[in-house]
PDB file of all heavy atoms in Angstrom:
ATOM      1  N   ASN A   1    -110.564-102.656 -79.106  1.00  0.00           N
ATOM      2  CA  ASN A   1    -109.820-103.676 -79.820  1.00  0.00           C
ATOM      3  C   ASN A   1    -109.392-103.087 -81.129  1.00  0.00           C
ATOM      4  O   ASN A   1    -110.193-102.930 -82.107  1.00  0.00           O
ATOM      5  CB  ASN A   1    -110.721-104.928 -80.110  1.00  0.00           C
ATOM      6  CG  ASN A   1    -109.919-106.072 -80.815  1.00  0.00           C
ATOM      7  OD1 ASN A   1    -109.351-105.837 -81.859  1.00  0.00           O
ATOM      8  ND2 ASN A   1    -110.035-107.255 -80.242  1.00  0.00           N
ATOM      9  N   LEU A   2    -108.132-102.651 -81.282  1.00  0.00           N
ATOM     10  CA  LEU A   2    -107.657-101.826 -82.363  1.00  0.00           C
ATOM     11  C   LEU A   2    -107.848-102.597 -83.737  1.00  0.00           C
ATOM     12  O   LEU A   2    -108.251-101.934 -84.647  1.00  0.00           O
ATOM     13  CB  LEU A   2    -106.261-101.448 -82.168  1.00  0.00           C
ATOM     14  CG  LEU A   2    -105.683-100.478 -83.288  1.00  0.00           C
ATOM     15  CD1 LEU A   2    -106.460 -99.176 -83.276  1.00  0.00           C
ATOM     16  CD2 LEU A   2    -104.200-100.231 -82.969  1.00  0.00           C
ATOM     17  N   ASP A   3    -107.509-103.892 -83.727  1.00  0.00           N
ATOM     18  CA  ASP A   3    -107.645-104.678 -84.964  1.00  0.00           C
ATOM     19  C   ASP A   3    -109.112-104.703 -85.490  1.00  0.00           C
ATOM     20  O   ASP A   3    -109.383-104.454 -86.666  1.00  0.00           O
ATOM     21  CB  ASP A   3    -107.154-106.127 -84.727  1.00  0.00           C
ATOM     22  CG  ASP A   3    -105.732-106.180 -84.536  1.00  0.00           C
ATOM     23  OD1 ASP A   3    -104.951-105.259 -85.025  1.00  0.00           O
ATOM     24  OD2 ASP A   3    -105.176-107.171 -84.020  1.00  0.00           O
ATOM     25  N   ASN A   4    -110.018-104.952 -84.548  1.00  0.00           N
ATOM     26  CA  ASN A   4    -111.489-104.968 -84.939  1.00  0.00           C
ATOM     27  C   ASN A   4    -111.887-103.586 -85.367  1.00  0.00           C
ATOM     28  O   ASN A   4    -112.662-103.424 -86.325  1.00  0.00           O
ATOM     29  CB  ASN A   4    -112.268-105.413 -83.761  1.00  0.00           C
ATOM     30  CG  ASN A   4    -112.184-106.888 -83.437  1.00  0.00           C
ATOM     31  OD1 ASN A   4    -111.496-107.616 -84.048  1.00  0.00           O
ATOM     32  ND2 ASN A   4    -112.790-107.308 -82.324  1.00  0.00           N
ATOM     33  N   PHE A   5    -111.443-102.579 -84.645  1.00  0.00           N
ATOM     34  CA  PHE A   5    -111.795-101.149 -84.908  1.00  0.00           C
ATOM     35  C   PHE A   5    -111.340-100.800 -86.328  1.00  0.00           C
ATOM     36  O   PHE A   5    -112.070-100.287 -87.088  1.00  0.00           O
ATOM     37  CB  PHE A   5    -111.178-100.248 -83.889  1.00  0.00           C
ATOM     38  CG  PHE A   5    -111.646 -98.892 -83.977  1.00  0.00           C
ATOM     39  CD1 PHE A   5    -112.630 -98.392 -83.049  1.00  0.00           C
ATOM     40  CD2 PHE A   5    -111.030 -97.931 -84.818  1.00  0.00           C
ATOM     41  CE1 PHE A   5    -113.056 -97.056 -83.166  1.00  0.00           C
ATOM     42  CE2 PHE A   5    -111.412 -96.603 -84.829  1.00  0.00           C
ATOM     43  CZ  PHE A   5    -112.419 -96.219 -83.979  1.00  0.00           C
ATOM     44  N   LEU A   6    -110.055-101.052 -86.681  1.00  0.00           N
ATOM     45  CA  LEU A   6    -109.564-100.635 -88.015  1.00  0.00           C
ATOM     46  C   LEU A   6    -110.265-101.458 -89.105  1.00  0.00           C
ATOM     47  O   LEU A   6    -110.554-100.842 -90.117  1.00  0.00           O
ATOM     48  CB  LEU A   6    -108.040-100.906 -87.971  1.00  0.00           C
ATOM     49  CG  LEU A   6    -107.179 -99.914 -87.043  1.00  0.00           C
ATOM     50  CD1 LEU A   6    -105.762-100.292 -87.112  1.00  0.00           C
ATOM     51  CD2 LEU A   6    -107.455 -98.460 -87.341  1.00  0.00           C
ATOM     52  N   ALA A   7    -110.423-102.747 -88.856  1.00  0.00           N
ATOM     53  CA  ALA A   7    -111.088-103.533 -89.931  1.00  0.00           C
ATOM     54  C   ALA A   7    -112.505-102.978 -90.191  1.00  0.00           C
ATOM     55  O   ALA A   7    -112.893-102.855 -91.343  1.00  0.00           O
ATOM     56  CB  ALA A   7    -111.139-104.986 -89.522  1.00  0.00           C
ATOM     57  N   ASP A   8    -113.209-102.606 -89.129  1.00  0.00           N
ATOM     58  CA  ASP A   8    -114.524-102.131 -89.365  1.00  0.00           C
ATOM     59  C   ASP A   8    -114.590-100.753 -90.002  1.00  0.00           C
ATOM     60  O   ASP A   8    -115.390-100.522 -90.929  1.00  0.00           O
ATOM     61  CB  ASP A   8    -115.155-101.914 -87.860  1.00  0.00           C
ATOM     62  CG  ASP A   8    -116.739-101.837 -87.939  1.00  0.00           C
ATOM     63  OD1 ASP A   8    -117.317-102.940 -88.041  1.00  0.00           O
ATOM     64  OD2 ASP A   8    -117.222-100.743 -87.759  1.00  0.00           O
ATOM     65  N   PHE A   9    -113.699 -99.815 -89.661  1.00  0.00           N
ATOM     66  CA  PHE A   9    -113.601 -98.478 -90.306  1.00  0.00           C
ATOM     67  C   PHE A   9    -113.122 -98.687 -91.784  1.00  0.00           C
ATOM     68  O   PHE A   9    -113.616 -97.894 -92.644  1.00  0.00           O
ATOM     69  CB  PHE A   9    -112.773 -97.676 -89.501  1.00  0.00           C
ATOM     70  CG  PHE A   9    -113.453 -96.864 -88.420  1.00  0.00           C
ATOM     71  CD1 PHE A   9    -113.921 -97.506 -87.261  1.00  0.00           C
ATOM     72  CD2 PHE A   9    -113.782 -95.551 -88.534  1.00  0.00           C
ATOM     73  CE1 PHE A   9    -114.613 -96.911 -86.279  1.00  0.00           C
ATOM     74  CE2 PHE A   9    -114.528 -94.846 -87.591  1.00  0.00           C
ATOM     75  CZ  PHE A   9    -114.860 -95.496 -86.445  1.00  0.00           C
ATOM     76  N   ASN A  10    -112.129 -99.565 -91.985  1.00  0.00           N
ATOM     77  CA  ASN A  10    -111.586 -99.765 -93.340  1.00  0.00           C
ATOM     78  C   ASN A  10    -112.745-100.173 -94.307  1.00  0.00           C
ATOM     79  O   ASN A  10    -112.716 -99.890 -95.533  1.00  0.00           O
ATOM     80  CB  ASN A  10    -110.458-100.754 -93.376  1.00  0.00           C
ATOM     81  CG  ASN A  10    -109.254-100.158 -92.826  1.00  0.00           C
ATOM     82  OD1 ASN A  10    -109.082 -98.959 -92.765  1.00  0.00           O
ATOM     83  ND2 ASN A  10    -108.265-100.944 -92.361  1.00  0.00           N
ATOM     84  N   LYS A  11    -113.634-100.983 -93.790  1.00  0.00           N
ATOM     85  CA  LYS A  11    -114.783-101.416 -94.643  1.00  0.00           C
ATOM     86  C   LYS A  11    -115.612-100.277 -95.100  1.00  0.00           C
ATOM     87  O   LYS A  11    -116.048-100.242 -96.325  1.00  0.00           O
ATOM     88  CB  LYS A  11    -115.669-102.421 -93.832  1.00  0.00           C
ATOM     89  CG  LYS A  11    -116.568-103.281 -94.699  1.00  0.00           C
ATOM     90  CD  LYS A  11    -117.195-104.376 -93.777  1.00  0.00           C
ATOM     91  CE  LYS A  11    -118.161-105.280 -94.654  1.00  0.00           C
ATOM     92  NZ  LYS A  11    -118.712-106.447 -93.935  1.00  0.00           N
ATOM     93  N   THR A  12    -115.889 -99.351 -94.310  1.00  0.00           N
ATOM     94  CA  THR A  12    -116.597 -98.176 -94.717  1.00  0.00           C
ATOM     95  C   THR A  12    -115.754 -97.264 -95.708  1.00  0.00           C
ATOM     96  O   THR A  12    -116.251 -96.754 -96.598  1.00  0.00           O
ATOM     97  CB  THR A  12    -117.010 -97.275 -93.499  1.00  0.00           C
ATOM     98  OG1 THR A  12    -117.951 -98.052 -92.706  1.00  0.00           O
ATOM     99  CG2 THR A  12    -117.691 -96.027 -93.921  1.00  0.00           C
ATOM    100  N   ASP A  13    -114.449 -97.207 -95.365  1.00  0.00           N
ATOM    101  CA  ASP A  13    -113.542 -96.410 -96.341  1.00  0.00           C
ATOM    102  C   ASP A  13    -113.670 -97.079 -97.712  1.00  0.00           C
ATOM    103  O   ASP A  13    -113.738 -96.283 -98.766  1.00  0.00           O
ATOM    104  CB  ASP A  13    -112.142 -96.564 -95.872  1.00  0.00           C
ATOM    105  CG  ASP A  13    -111.762 -95.461 -94.849  1.00  0.00           C
ATOM    106  OD1 ASP A  13    -112.458 -94.452 -94.842  1.00  0.00           O
ATOM    107  OD2 ASP A  13    -110.816 -95.664 -94.141  1.00  0.00           O
ATOM    108  N   GLU A  14    -113.631 -98.361 -97.849  1.00  0.00           N
ATOM    109  CA  GLU A  14    -113.676 -99.010 -99.189  1.00  0.00           C
ATOM    110  C   GLU A  14    -115.048 -98.788 -99.854  1.00  0.00           C
ATOM    111  O   GLU A  14    -115.099 -98.535-101.045  1.00  0.00           O
ATOM    112  CB  GLU A  14    -113.454-100.531 -99.026  1.00  0.00           C
ATOM    113  CG  GLU A  14    -112.062-100.844 -98.721  1.00  0.00           C
ATOM    114  CD  GLU A  14    -110.989-100.324 -99.675  1.00  0.00           C
ATOM    115  OE1 GLU A  14    -111.283-100.425-100.922  1.00  0.00           O
ATOM    116  OE2 GLU A  14    -109.992 -99.713 -99.185  1.00  0.00           O
ATOM    117  N   LEU A  15    -116.072 -98.718 -99.032  1.00  0.00           N
ATOM    118  CA  LEU A  15    -117.442 -98.457 -99.573  1.00  0.00           C
ATOM    119  C   LEU A  15    -117.498 -97.045-100.052  1.00  0.00           C
ATOM    120  O   LEU A  15    -118.149 -96.819-101.131  1.00  0.00           O
ATOM    121  CB  LEU A  15    -118.542 -98.661 -98.464  1.00  0.00           C
ATOM    122  CG  LEU A  15    -119.989 -98.394 -98.778  1.00  0.00           C
ATOM    123  CD1 LEU A  15    -120.396 -99.278 -99.949  1.00  0.00           C
ATOM    124  CD2 LEU A  15    -120.847 -98.662 -97.602  1.00  0.00           C
ATOM    125  N   LEU A  16    -116.904 -96.134 -99.346  1.00  0.00           N
ATOM    126  CA  LEU A  16    -116.980 -94.687 -99.776  1.00  0.00           C
ATOM    127  C   LEU A  16    -116.148 -94.403-101.102  1.00  0.00           C
ATOM    128  O   LEU A  16    -116.529 -93.685-101.900  1.00  0.00           O
ATOM    129  CB  LEU A  16    -116.341 -93.789 -98.684  1.00  0.00           C
ATOM    130  CG  LEU A  16    -117.281 -93.593 -97.421  1.00  0.00           C
ATOM    131  CD1 LEU A  16    -116.518 -92.806 -96.374  1.00  0.00           C
ATOM    132  CD2 LEU A  16    -118.587 -92.997 -97.895  1.00  0.00           C
ATOM    133  N   LYS A  17    -115.040 -95.305-101.265  1.00  0.00           N
ATOM    134  CA  LYS A  17    -114.346 -95.227-102.520  1.00  0.00           C
ATOM    135  C   LYS A  17    -115.159 -95.721-103.686  1.00  0.00           C
ATOM    136  O   LYS A  17    -115.093 -95.219-104.781  1.00  0.00           O
ATOM    137  CB  LYS A  17    -113.065 -96.058-102.344  1.00  0.00           C
ATOM    138  CG  LYS A  17    -111.944 -95.291-101.574  1.00  0.00           C
ATOM    139  CD  LYS A  17    -110.615 -96.100-101.569  1.00  0.00           C
ATOM    140  CE  LYS A  17    -109.601 -95.548-100.651  1.00  0.00           C
ATOM    141  NZ  LYS A  17    -109.230 -94.185-100.928  1.00  0.00           N
ATOM    142  N   GLU A  18    -115.958 -96.760-103.426  1.00  0.00           N
ATOM    143  CA  GLU A  18    -116.856 -97.249-104.449  1.00  0.00           C
ATOM    144  C   GLU A  18    -117.887 -96.270-104.904  1.00  0.00           C
ATOM    145  O   GLU A  18    -118.201 -96.174-106.090  1.00  0.00           O
ATOM    146  CB  GLU A  18    -117.574 -98.549-103.943  1.00  0.00           C
ATOM    147  CG  GLU A  18    -116.726 -99.785-103.760  1.00  0.00           C
ATOM    148  CD  GLU A  18    -117.466-100.915-103.126  1.00  0.00           C
ATOM    149  OE1 GLU A  18    -118.680-100.840-103.129  1.00  0.00           O
ATOM    150  OE2 GLU A  18    -116.808-101.895-102.681  1.00  0.00           O
ATOM    151  N   ILE A  19    -118.351 -95.436-103.948  1.00  0.00           N
ATOM    152  CA  ILE A  19    -119.399 -94.486-104.165  1.00  0.00           C
ATOM    153  C   ILE A  19    -118.826 -93.173-104.786  1.00  0.00           C
ATOM    154  O   ILE A  19    -119.324 -92.647-105.783  1.00  0.00           O
ATOM    155  CB  ILE A  19    -120.118 -94.109-102.887  1.00  0.00           C
ATOM    156  CG1 ILE A  19    -120.825 -95.388-102.333  1.00  0.00           C
ATOM    157  CG2 ILE A  19    -121.084 -92.947-103.134  1.00  0.00           C
ATOM    158  CD1 ILE A  19    -121.424 -95.205-100.911  1.00  0.00           C
ATOM    159  N   LEU A  20    -117.646 -92.668-104.222  1.00  0.00           N
ATOM    160  CA  LEU A  20    -117.196 -91.314-104.515  1.00  0.00           C
ATOM    161  C   LEU A  20    -115.886 -91.396-105.403  1.00  0.00           C
ATOM    162  O   LEU A  20    -115.460 -90.342-105.936  1.00  0.00           O
ATOM    163  CB  LEU A  20    -116.790 -90.547-103.296  1.00  0.00           C
ATOM    164  CG  LEU A  20    -118.091 -90.291-102.366  1.00  0.00           C
ATOM    165  CD1 LEU A  20    -117.606 -89.601-101.131  1.00  0.00           C
ATOM    166  CD2 LEU A  20    -119.066 -89.438-103.075  1.00  0.00           C
ATOM    167  N   GLY A  21    -115.464 -92.615-105.669  1.00  0.00           N
ATOM    168  CA  GLY A  21    -114.334 -92.830-106.607  1.00  0.00           C
ATOM    169  C   GLY A  21    -113.041 -93.125-105.838  1.00  0.00           C
ATOM    170  O   GLY A  21    -112.917 -92.799-104.629  1.00  0.00           O
ATOM    171  N   PRO A  22    -112.009 -93.663-106.565  1.00  0.00           N
ATOM    172  CA  PRO A  22    -110.787 -94.110-105.913  1.00  0.00           C
ATOM    173  C   PRO A  22    -109.924 -93.046-105.406  1.00  0.00           C
ATOM    174  O   PRO A  22    -109.014 -93.296-104.546  1.00  0.00           O
ATOM    175  CB  PRO A  22    -110.111 -94.874-107.114  1.00  0.00           C
ATOM    176  CG  PRO A  22    -110.659 -94.280-108.307  1.00  0.00           C
ATOM    177  CD  PRO A  22    -112.005 -93.908-108.054  1.00  0.00           C
ATOM    178  N   TYR A  23    -110.134 -91.801-105.783  1.00  0.00           N
ATOM    179  CA  TYR A  23    -109.321 -90.693-105.290  1.00  0.00           C
ATOM    180  C   TYR A  23    -109.897 -90.133-104.033  1.00  0.00           C
ATOM    181  O   TYR A  23    -109.200 -89.206-103.378  1.00  0.00           O
ATOM    182  CB  TYR A  23    -109.263 -89.566-106.342  1.00  0.00           C
ATOM    183  CG  TYR A  23    -108.352 -90.063-107.550  1.00  0.00           C
ATOM    184  CD1 TYR A  23    -109.029 -90.356-108.706  1.00  0.00           C
ATOM    185  CD2 TYR A  23    -107.093 -90.025-107.489  1.00  0.00           C
ATOM    186  CE1 TYR A  23    -108.308 -90.723-109.797  1.00  0.00           C
ATOM    187  CE2 TYR A  23    -106.294 -90.410-108.539  1.00  0.00           C
ATOM    188  CZ  TYR A  23    -106.864 -90.710-109.750  1.00  0.00           C
ATOM    189  OH  TYR A  23    -106.163 -91.206-110.798  1.00  0.00           O
ATOM    190  N   PHE A  24    -111.032 -90.632-103.482  1.00  0.00           N
ATOM    191  CA  PHE A  24    -111.594 -90.159-102.219  1.00  0.00           C
ATOM    192  C   PHE A  24    -110.940 -90.838-101.051  1.00  0.00           C
ATOM    193  O   PHE A  24    -110.820 -92.079-101.080  1.00  0.00           O
ATOM    194  CB  PHE A  24    -113.052 -90.274-102.224  1.00  0.00           C
ATOM    195  CG  PHE A  24    -113.624 -89.855-100.829  1.00  0.00           C
ATOM    196  CD1 PHE A  24    -113.921 -88.595-100.610  1.00  0.00           C
ATOM    197  CD2 PHE A  24    -113.949 -90.804 -99.848  1.00  0.00           C
ATOM    198  CE1 PHE A  24    -114.333 -88.152 -99.250  1.00  0.00           C
ATOM    199  CE2 PHE A  24    -114.405 -90.446 -98.594  1.00  0.00           C
ATOM    200  CZ  PHE A  24    -114.635 -89.086 -98.372  1.00  0.00           C
ATOM    201  N   SER A  25    -110.758 -90.076-100.000  1.00  0.00           N
ATOM    202  CA  SER A  25    -110.396 -90.719 -98.667  1.00  0.00           C
ATOM    203  C   SER A  25    -110.795 -89.698 -97.626  1.00  0.00           C
ATOM    204  O   SER A  25    -111.055 -88.492 -97.816  1.00  0.00           O
ATOM    205  CB  SER A  25    -108.943 -90.999 -98.575  1.00  0.00           C
ATOM    206  OG  SER A  25    -108.145 -89.799 -98.574  1.00  0.00           O
ATOM    207  N   THR A  26    -110.898 -90.129 -96.403  1.00  0.00           N
ATOM    208  CA  THR A  26    -111.129 -89.118 -95.305  1.00  0.00           C
ATOM    209  C   THR A  26    -110.153 -89.524 -94.144  1.00  0.00           C
ATOM    210  O   THR A  26    -109.850 -90.621 -93.951  1.00  0.00           O
ATOM    211  CB  THR A  26    -112.594 -89.226 -94.811  1.00  0.00           C
ATOM    212  OG1 THR A  26    -112.735 -88.365 -93.714  1.00  0.00           O
ATOM    213  CG2 THR A  26    -112.959 -90.647 -94.319  1.00  0.00           C
ATOM    214  N   ARG A  27    -109.646 -88.437 -93.539  1.00  0.00           N
ATOM    215  CA  ARG A  27    -108.756 -88.664 -92.400  1.00  0.00           C
ATOM    216  C   ARG A  27    -109.522 -88.371 -91.109  1.00  0.00           C
ATOM    217  O   ARG A  27    -108.940 -88.420 -90.000  1.00  0.00           O
ATOM    218  CB  ARG A  27    -107.571 -87.836 -92.520  1.00  0.00           C
ATOM    219  CG  ARG A  27    -107.837 -86.245 -92.413  1.00  0.00           C
ATOM    220  CD  ARG A  27    -106.482 -85.533 -92.437  1.00  0.00           C
ATOM    221  NE  ARG A  27    -106.761 -84.144 -92.119  1.00  0.00           N
ATOM    222  CZ  ARG A  27    -105.892 -83.411 -91.349  1.00  0.00           C
ATOM    223  NH1 ARG A  27    -104.837 -83.932 -90.910  1.00  0.00           N
ATOM    224  NH2 ARG A  27    -106.178 -82.085 -91.127  1.00  0.00           N
ATOM    225  N   VAL A  28    -110.864 -88.108 -91.169  1.00  0.00           N
ATOM    226  CA  VAL A  28    -111.657 -87.776 -90.021  1.00  0.00           C
ATOM    227  C   VAL A  28    -112.603 -88.924 -89.617  1.00  0.00           C
ATOM    228  O   VAL A  28    -113.350 -89.462 -90.480  1.00  0.00           O
ATOM    229  CB  VAL A  28    -112.517 -86.474 -90.277  1.00  0.00           C
ATOM    230  CG1 VAL A  28    -113.300 -86.099 -89.088  1.00  0.00           C
ATOM    231  CG2 VAL A  28    -111.590 -85.334 -90.767  1.00  0.00           C
ATOM    232  N   ILE A  29    -112.502 -89.308 -88.394  1.00  0.00           N
ATOM    233  CA  ILE A  29    -113.425 -90.358 -87.943  1.00  0.00           C
ATOM    234  C   ILE A  29    -114.191 -89.859 -86.685  1.00  0.00           C
ATOM    235  O   ILE A  29    -113.757 -88.867 -86.016  1.00  0.00           O
ATOM    236  CB  ILE A  29    -112.640 -91.697 -87.553  1.00  0.00           C
ATOM    237  CG1 ILE A  29    -111.716 -91.466 -86.336  1.00  0.00           C
ATOM    238  CG2 ILE A  29    -111.837 -92.165 -88.688  1.00  0.00           C
ATOM    239  CD1 ILE A  29    -111.172 -92.787 -85.751  1.00  0.00           C
ATOM    240  N   ARG A  30    -115.232 -90.488 -86.347  1.00  0.00           N
ATOM    241  CA  ARG A  30    -115.833 -90.324 -85.012  1.00  0.00           C
ATOM    242  C   ARG A  30    -116.169 -91.723 -84.450  1.00  0.00           C
ATOM    243  O   ARG A  30    -116.709 -92.574 -85.109  1.00  0.00           O
ATOM    244  CB  ARG A  30    -117.131 -89.551 -85.138  1.00  0.00           C
ATOM    245  CG  ARG A  30    -117.934 -89.424 -83.868  1.00  0.00           C
ATOM    246  CD  ARG A  30    -119.097 -88.425 -83.938  1.00  0.00           C
ATOM    247  NE  ARG A  30    -118.626 -86.980 -83.840  1.00  0.00           N
ATOM    248  CZ  ARG A  30    -119.328 -85.899 -84.186  1.00  0.00           C
ATOM    249  NH1 ARG A  30    -120.541 -86.102 -84.657  1.00  0.00           N
ATOM    250  NH2 ARG A  30    -118.834 -84.839 -84.011  1.00  0.00           N
ATOM    251  N   CYS A  31    -115.553 -91.924 -83.235  1.00  0.00           N
ATOM    252  CA  CYS A  31    -115.773 -93.164 -82.567  1.00  0.00           C
ATOM    253  C   CYS A  31    -117.213 -93.402 -82.181  1.00  0.00           C
ATOM    254  O   CYS A  31    -117.758 -92.486 -81.463  1.00  0.00           O
ATOM    255  CB  CYS A  31    -114.902 -93.344 -81.336  1.00  0.00           C
ATOM    256  SG  CYS A  31    -113.162 -93.096 -81.707  1.00  0.00           S
ATOM    257  N   PRO A  32    -117.867 -94.439 -82.477  1.00  0.00           N
ATOM    258  CA  PRO A  32    -119.209 -94.731 -82.008  1.00  0.00           C
ATOM    259  C   PRO A  32    -119.238 -94.674 -80.490  1.00  0.00           C
ATOM    260  O   PRO A  32    -118.353 -95.241 -79.832  1.00  0.00           O
ATOM    261  CB  PRO A  32    -119.474 -96.196 -82.560  1.00  0.00           C
ATOM    262  CG  PRO A  32    -118.685 -96.260 -83.749  1.00  0.00           C
ATOM    263  CD  PRO A  32    -117.404 -95.497 -83.503  1.00  0.00           C
ATOM    264  N   GLY A  33    -120.161 -93.903 -79.907  1.00  0.00           N
ATOM    265  CA  GLY A  33    -120.238 -93.724 -78.494  1.00  0.00           C
ATOM    266  C   GLY A  33    -119.232 -92.618 -77.983  1.00  0.00           C
ATOM    267  O   GLY A  33    -119.325 -92.225 -76.834  1.00  0.00           O
ATOM    268  N   GLY A  34    -118.360 -92.081 -78.908  1.00  0.00           N
ATOM    269  CA  GLY A  34    -117.461 -91.040 -78.525  1.00  0.00           C
ATOM    270  C   GLY A  34    -116.175 -91.594 -78.019  1.00  0.00           C
ATOM    271  O   GLY A  34    -116.157 -92.640 -77.297  1.00  0.00           O
TER     272      GLY A  34
END
């Protein structure tokens, strides 16, 4: 479910920006389960 997937991953992206700063992003993902 692409909508659920992107919403879930975006939530972690926002958390990482809170931790590492607004200039951080990652273009690398790993799908749970592969």
